[in-house]
Amino acid sequence: MKVVYKYTLKINEPTKLEIPKDSEILCFKIQNEVPCVWILIDLEEPKKWLEWFIIKGTGHEIENDLKLKYIGTDFSEGSFVWHCFQIL
């Protein structure tokens, strides 16, 4: 059976998530000032897979050696705009 789970992320430092291997990343949003990703997972898949994510603000440095996949952009109640990337 598949379900959508929400995971919270840290800002400006990598966050490690253990999720089933064939999970699908659906979106990134800021909820109550907390960065989150929603991921479709299969509850019957026992194998866990480590995925790394990083949140960076507009104008923040991103290390050159990181291989990234863009997930999405959202903004907090203030003037900050945050960008979520999966670290490959």
N, C-alpha and C. Protein backbone atom coordinates (compact mmCIF):
# COMPACT_ATOMS: atom_id res chain seq x y z
N MET A 1 0.84 -1.17 0.00
CA MET A 1 0.00 0.00 0.00
C MET A 1 0.89 1.24 0.00
N LYS A 2 0.51 2.22 -0.80
CA LYS A 2 1.28 3.46 -0.88
C LYS A 2 0.57 4.56 -0.11
N VAL A 3 1.38 5.42 0.51
CA VAL A 3 0.87 6.58 1.25
C VAL A 3 1.81 7.76 1.01
N VAL A 4 1.31 8.95 1.27
CA VAL A 4 2.15 10.15 1.21
C VAL A 4 2.56 10.49 2.63
N TYR A 5 3.87 10.63 2.85
CA TYR A 5 4.41 11.05 4.14
C TYR A 5 5.08 12.40 3.99
N LYS A 6 5.03 13.16 5.07
CA LYS A 6 5.71 14.46 5.12
C LYS A 6 6.97 14.30 5.97
N TYR A 7 8.07 14.88 5.48
CA TYR A 7 9.34 14.86 6.18
C TYR A 7 9.83 16.30 6.33
N THR A 8 10.34 16.64 7.50
CA THR A 8 10.87 17.99 7.71
C THR A 8 12.36 18.01 7.37
N LEU A 9 12.83 19.17 6.91
CA LEU A 9 14.21 19.34 6.49
C LEU A 9 14.86 20.49 7.25
N LYS A 10 16.18 20.47 7.33
CA LYS A 10 16.95 21.55 7.93
C LYS A 10 17.33 22.56 6.85
N ILE A 11 17.57 23.79 7.27
CA ILE A 11 17.99 24.83 6.33
C ILE A 11 19.51 24.95 6.35
N ASN A 12 20.11 25.02 5.17
CA ASN A 12 21.55 25.23 4.97
C ASN A 12 22.45 24.11 5.48
N GLU A 13 21.88 22.96 5.78
CA GLU A 13 22.71 21.79 6.09
C GLU A 13 21.99 20.54 5.58
N PRO A 14 22.76 19.55 5.14
CA PRO A 14 22.13 18.35 4.58
C PRO A 14 21.24 17.64 5.60
N THR A 15 20.12 17.12 5.12
CA THR A 15 19.21 16.30 5.92
C THR A 15 19.14 14.92 5.30
N LYS A 16 19.33 13.89 6.13
CA LYS A 16 19.29 12.51 5.67
C LYS A 16 17.93 11.92 6.00
N LEU A 17 17.29 11.30 5.00
CA LEU A 17 16.02 10.62 5.21
C LEU A 17 16.17 9.15 4.84
N GLU A 18 15.57 8.28 5.63
CA GLU A 18 15.52 6.85 5.30
C GLU A 18 14.12 6.57 4.78
N ILE A 19 14.04 6.25 3.50
CA ILE A 19 12.76 6.00 2.85
C ILE A 19 12.87 4.74 2.00
N PRO A 20 11.74 4.11 1.67
CA PRO A 20 11.81 2.95 0.77
C PRO A 20 12.44 3.32 -0.57
N LYS A 21 13.14 2.39 -1.16
CA LYS A 21 13.96 2.64 -2.34
C LYS A 21 13.20 3.25 -3.51
N ASP A 22 12.01 2.80 -3.81
CA ASP A 22 11.29 3.27 -4.99
C ASP A 22 10.29 4.39 -4.67
N SER A 23 10.60 5.20 -3.69
CA SER A 23 9.72 6.30 -3.30
C SER A 23 9.75 7.40 -4.35
N GLU A 24 8.69 8.22 -4.37
CA GLU A 24 8.59 9.32 -5.34
C GLU A 24 8.46 10.64 -4.59
N ILE A 25 9.39 11.54 -4.83
CA ILE A 25 9.35 12.86 -4.21
C ILE A 25 8.28 13.68 -4.94
N LEU A 26 7.29 14.16 -4.18
CA LEU A 26 6.16 14.86 -4.79
C LEU A 26 6.34 16.37 -4.80
N CYS A 27 6.69 16.97 -3.65
CA CYS A 27 6.83 18.43 -3.64
C CYS A 27 7.56 18.91 -2.39
N PHE A 28 7.95 20.17 -2.44
CA PHE A 28 8.59 20.88 -1.34
C PHE A 28 7.77 22.12 -1.04
N LYS A 29 7.49 22.35 0.24
CA LYS A 29 6.78 23.56 0.67
C LYS A 29 7.24 23.93 2.08
N ILE A 30 7.01 25.18 2.43
CA ILE A 30 7.22 25.64 3.80
C ILE A 30 5.86 25.55 4.50
N GLN A 31 5.80 24.81 5.61
CA GLN A 31 4.57 24.68 6.38
C GLN A 31 4.83 25.13 7.81
N ASN A 32 4.13 26.17 8.25
CA ASN A 32 4.33 26.72 9.59
C ASN A 32 5.80 27.07 9.84
N GLU A 33 6.42 27.68 8.82
CA GLU A 33 7.83 28.13 8.87
C GLU A 33 8.83 26.97 8.91
N VAL A 34 8.39 25.75 8.60
CA VAL A 34 9.28 24.58 8.60
C VAL A 34 9.33 24.03 7.18
N PRO A 35 10.55 23.86 6.61
CA PRO A 35 10.66 23.27 5.27
C PRO A 35 10.32 21.78 5.30
N CYS A 36 9.49 21.36 4.35
CA CYS A 36 9.03 19.97 4.31
C CYS A 36 9.04 19.44 2.88
N VAL A 37 9.22 18.13 2.76
CA VAL A 37 9.01 17.45 1.48
C VAL A 37 7.95 16.39 1.71
N TRP A 38 7.11 16.21 0.69
CA TRP A 38 6.10 15.17 0.71
C TRP A 38 6.55 14.10 -0.27
N ILE A 39 6.55 12.85 0.21
CA ILE A 39 7.08 11.73 -0.56
C ILE A 39 6.07 10.59 -0.56
N LEU A 40 5.82 10.04 -1.75
CA LEU A 40 4.95 8.88 -1.90
C LEU A 40 5.79 7.64 -1.63
N ILE A 41 5.41 6.88 -0.60
CA ILE A 41 6.19 5.70 -0.23
C ILE A 41 5.29 4.46 -0.24
N ASP A 42 5.93 3.32 -0.41
CA ASP A 42 5.24 2.03 -0.38
C ASP A 42 5.50 1.41 1.00
N LEU A 43 4.44 1.27 1.80
CA LEU A 43 4.58 0.74 3.15
C LEU A 43 5.00 -0.73 3.17
N GLU A 44 4.82 -1.42 2.07
CA GLU A 44 5.18 -2.83 2.01
C GLU A 44 6.63 -3.06 1.57
N GLU A 45 7.30 -2.00 1.19
CA GLU A 45 8.71 -2.10 0.77
C GLU A 45 9.58 -2.00 2.02
N PRO A 46 10.19 -3.11 2.44
CA PRO A 46 10.96 -3.09 3.68
C PRO A 46 12.32 -2.43 3.56
N LYS A 47 12.86 -2.40 2.37
CA LYS A 47 14.21 -1.87 2.22
C LYS A 47 14.21 -0.35 2.40
N LYS A 48 15.15 0.13 3.17
CA LYS A 48 15.28 1.57 3.37
C LYS A 48 16.41 2.09 2.49
N TRP A 49 16.23 3.27 2.01
CA TRP A 49 17.19 3.91 1.12
C TRP A 49 17.50 5.28 1.68
N LEU A 50 18.76 5.63 1.74
CA LEU A 50 19.13 6.93 2.28
C LEU A 50 19.08 7.97 1.17
N GLU A 51 18.35 9.02 1.41
CA GLU A 51 18.30 10.15 0.50
C GLU A 51 18.71 11.39 1.27
N TRP A 52 19.48 12.23 0.62
CA TRP A 52 19.95 13.47 1.23
C TRP A 52 19.32 14.66 0.53
N PHE A 53 18.92 15.64 1.32
CA PHE A 53 18.32 16.87 0.80
C PHE A 53 19.03 18.06 1.41
N ILE A 54 18.99 19.18 0.70
CA ILE A 54 19.54 20.42 1.25
C ILE A 54 18.64 21.58 0.81
N ILE A 55 18.43 22.51 1.73
CA ILE A 55 17.63 23.71 1.49
C ILE A 55 18.59 24.89 1.48
N LYS A 56 18.52 25.69 0.43
CA LYS A 56 19.35 26.89 0.33
C LYS A 56 18.47 28.09 0.01
N GLY A 57 18.82 29.22 0.56
CA GLY A 57 18.10 30.45 0.27
C GLY A 57 18.64 31.11 -0.98
N THR A 58 17.83 31.98 -1.56
CA THR A 58 18.29 32.76 -2.71
C THR A 58 19.53 33.55 -2.32
N GLY A 59 20.58 33.43 -3.12
CA GLY A 59 21.83 34.13 -2.86
C GLY A 59 22.79 33.38 -1.96
N HIS A 60 22.37 32.27 -1.37
CA HIS A 60 23.27 31.48 -0.52
C HIS A 60 24.21 30.66 -1.38
N GLU A 61 25.42 30.47 -0.89
CA GLU A 61 26.40 29.67 -1.63
C GLU A 61 26.00 28.20 -1.66
N ILE A 62 26.27 27.57 -2.80
CA ILE A 62 26.08 26.12 -2.96
C ILE A 62 27.44 25.56 -3.37
N GLU A 63 27.90 24.58 -2.61
CA GLU A 63 29.21 23.99 -2.85
C GLU A 63 29.30 23.44 -4.27
N ASN A 64 30.42 23.72 -4.94
CA ASN A 64 30.62 23.29 -6.33
C ASN A 64 30.64 21.79 -6.51
N ASP A 65 31.06 21.05 -5.48
CA ASP A 65 31.21 19.60 -5.64
C ASP A 65 29.90 18.83 -5.41
N LEU A 66 28.81 19.52 -5.07
CA LEU A 66 27.53 18.84 -4.88
C LEU A 66 26.81 18.63 -6.21
N LYS A 67 26.36 17.40 -6.44
CA LYS A 67 25.50 17.12 -7.59
C LYS A 67 24.08 17.17 -7.07
N LEU A 68 23.28 18.07 -7.63
CA LEU A 68 21.95 18.34 -7.09
C LEU A 68 20.86 18.14 -8.12
N LYS A 69 19.69 17.74 -7.63
CA LYS A 69 18.47 17.68 -8.44
C LYS A 69 17.48 18.64 -7.79
N TYR A 70 16.99 19.59 -8.55
CA TYR A 70 16.05 20.58 -8.05
C TYR A 70 14.71 19.93 -7.73
N ILE A 71 14.15 20.22 -6.54
CA ILE A 71 12.86 19.68 -6.13
C ILE A 71 11.79 20.77 -6.17
N GLY A 72 12.10 21.95 -5.64
CA GLY A 72 11.09 23.00 -5.64
C GLY A 72 11.54 24.24 -4.89
N THR A 73 10.70 25.28 -4.97
CA THR A 73 10.97 26.57 -4.33
C THR A 73 9.72 27.00 -3.58
N ASP A 74 9.91 27.60 -2.40
CA ASP A 74 8.80 28.17 -1.63
C ASP A 74 9.35 29.31 -0.79
N PHE A 75 8.48 30.04 -0.15
CA PHE A 75 8.91 31.18 0.66
C PHE A 75 8.29 31.10 2.04
N SER A 76 9.00 31.68 3.01
CA SER A 76 8.48 31.74 4.37
C SER A 76 7.70 33.04 4.53
N GLU A 77 7.10 33.23 5.68
CA GLU A 77 6.25 34.40 5.91
C GLU A 77 7.03 35.71 5.76
N GLY A 78 8.31 35.68 6.04
CA GLY A 78 9.14 36.87 5.86
C GLY A 78 9.49 37.03 4.40
N SER A 79 10.66 37.52 4.14
CA SER A 79 11.06 37.76 2.76
C SER A 79 12.01 36.69 2.22
N PHE A 80 12.17 35.59 2.94
CA PHE A 80 13.10 34.55 2.51
C PHE A 80 12.46 33.61 1.49
N VAL A 81 13.23 33.29 0.44
CA VAL A 81 12.81 32.32 -0.56
C VAL A 81 13.78 31.14 -0.46
N TRP A 82 13.23 29.93 -0.32
CA TRP A 82 14.02 28.73 -0.11
C TRP A 82 13.89 27.78 -1.29
N HIS A 83 15.00 27.12 -1.61
CA HIS A 83 15.08 26.20 -2.73
C HIS A 83 15.52 24.84 -2.21
N CYS A 84 14.78 23.80 -2.58
CA CYS A 84 15.07 22.44 -2.10
C CYS A 84 15.75 21.64 -3.22
N PHE A 85 16.81 20.94 -2.86
CA PHE A 85 17.54 20.09 -3.77
C PHE A 85 17.73 18.72 -3.16
N GLN A 86 17.68 17.70 -3.99
CA GLN A 86 18.09 16.35 -3.60
C GLN A 86 19.56 16.24 -3.94
N ILE A 87 20.35 15.75 -3.00
CA ILE A 87 21.78 15.56 -3.25
C ILE A 87 21.95 14.18 -3.89
N LEU A 88 22.51 14.14 -5.07
CA LEU A 88 22.68 12.87 -5.80
C LEU A 88 24.01 12.22 -5.48
